[in-house]
Amino acid sequence: METFNSKDMALKAQKKILSQMANKSVVQMFIDDTSSEILDELYRVSKEYTGNRSEAQKVVKDLIKVVVKIAVLFRHNRFNDEELKLAQNFQKKLHQGAMTAISFHEVDFTFDKGVMSGILKESRDMLLKLVNTHLTPKSHGRINHVFNHYADPELLTQLYNPTGPLKPHLTKICNGLNKLLENGTL
């Protein structure tokens, strides 16, 4: 006998529609202004680092699609208790990553690309485990694309170069992360 569940069908449709509409208006439904500013700076970092506008757009668009899809899954209570624990651990890891990024920025000569890259890779692995049964392999590829891009030790080294061209972007990213930490969003 065929099983049909309208809730599952609605969720699939919502994820599909939202993934096709990863633009500013949709982002504002799920992402606050500070997070949006951070995303803009991440785009600028990617664009300057790669020298490729379309690659930078693709990385940030993939990031937005993943964030929106995970928000939809949370909104529809799709995670079981074990996955919710994993989500809490992922959130703690993001918090740790934000604190580490800010600390490396504020305290001269403390940056360690291995530490920052490691935190991002651990975050990626936790997120992949969290969404394993909920998102498609294409979405898993997006997660890998985003985290592998920003965990690149060379990108991180250029980003944290005190005299480098990416320094102003890092300052804005860290200011945004500080706001998110202060208001409890992150």
Foldseek 3Di string as FASTA:
>chain_A
DDDDDVVVVVLVVVLVVCLVVLDDVSLVVQPPPLVVLLLVLQLVLLCVVVVDNVLSVLLSSLVSSLSSSVVSCVVSVVFDPVLVVLVVVLVVLVLVLLVVLLVLQPDPPPDDLVVNLVSLVVSLVSVCVSCVPPDDVVSNVSSCSNSVSVSPSVSVCQCSPPPHPNVVSSVSNSVSSVVCVVVVVD
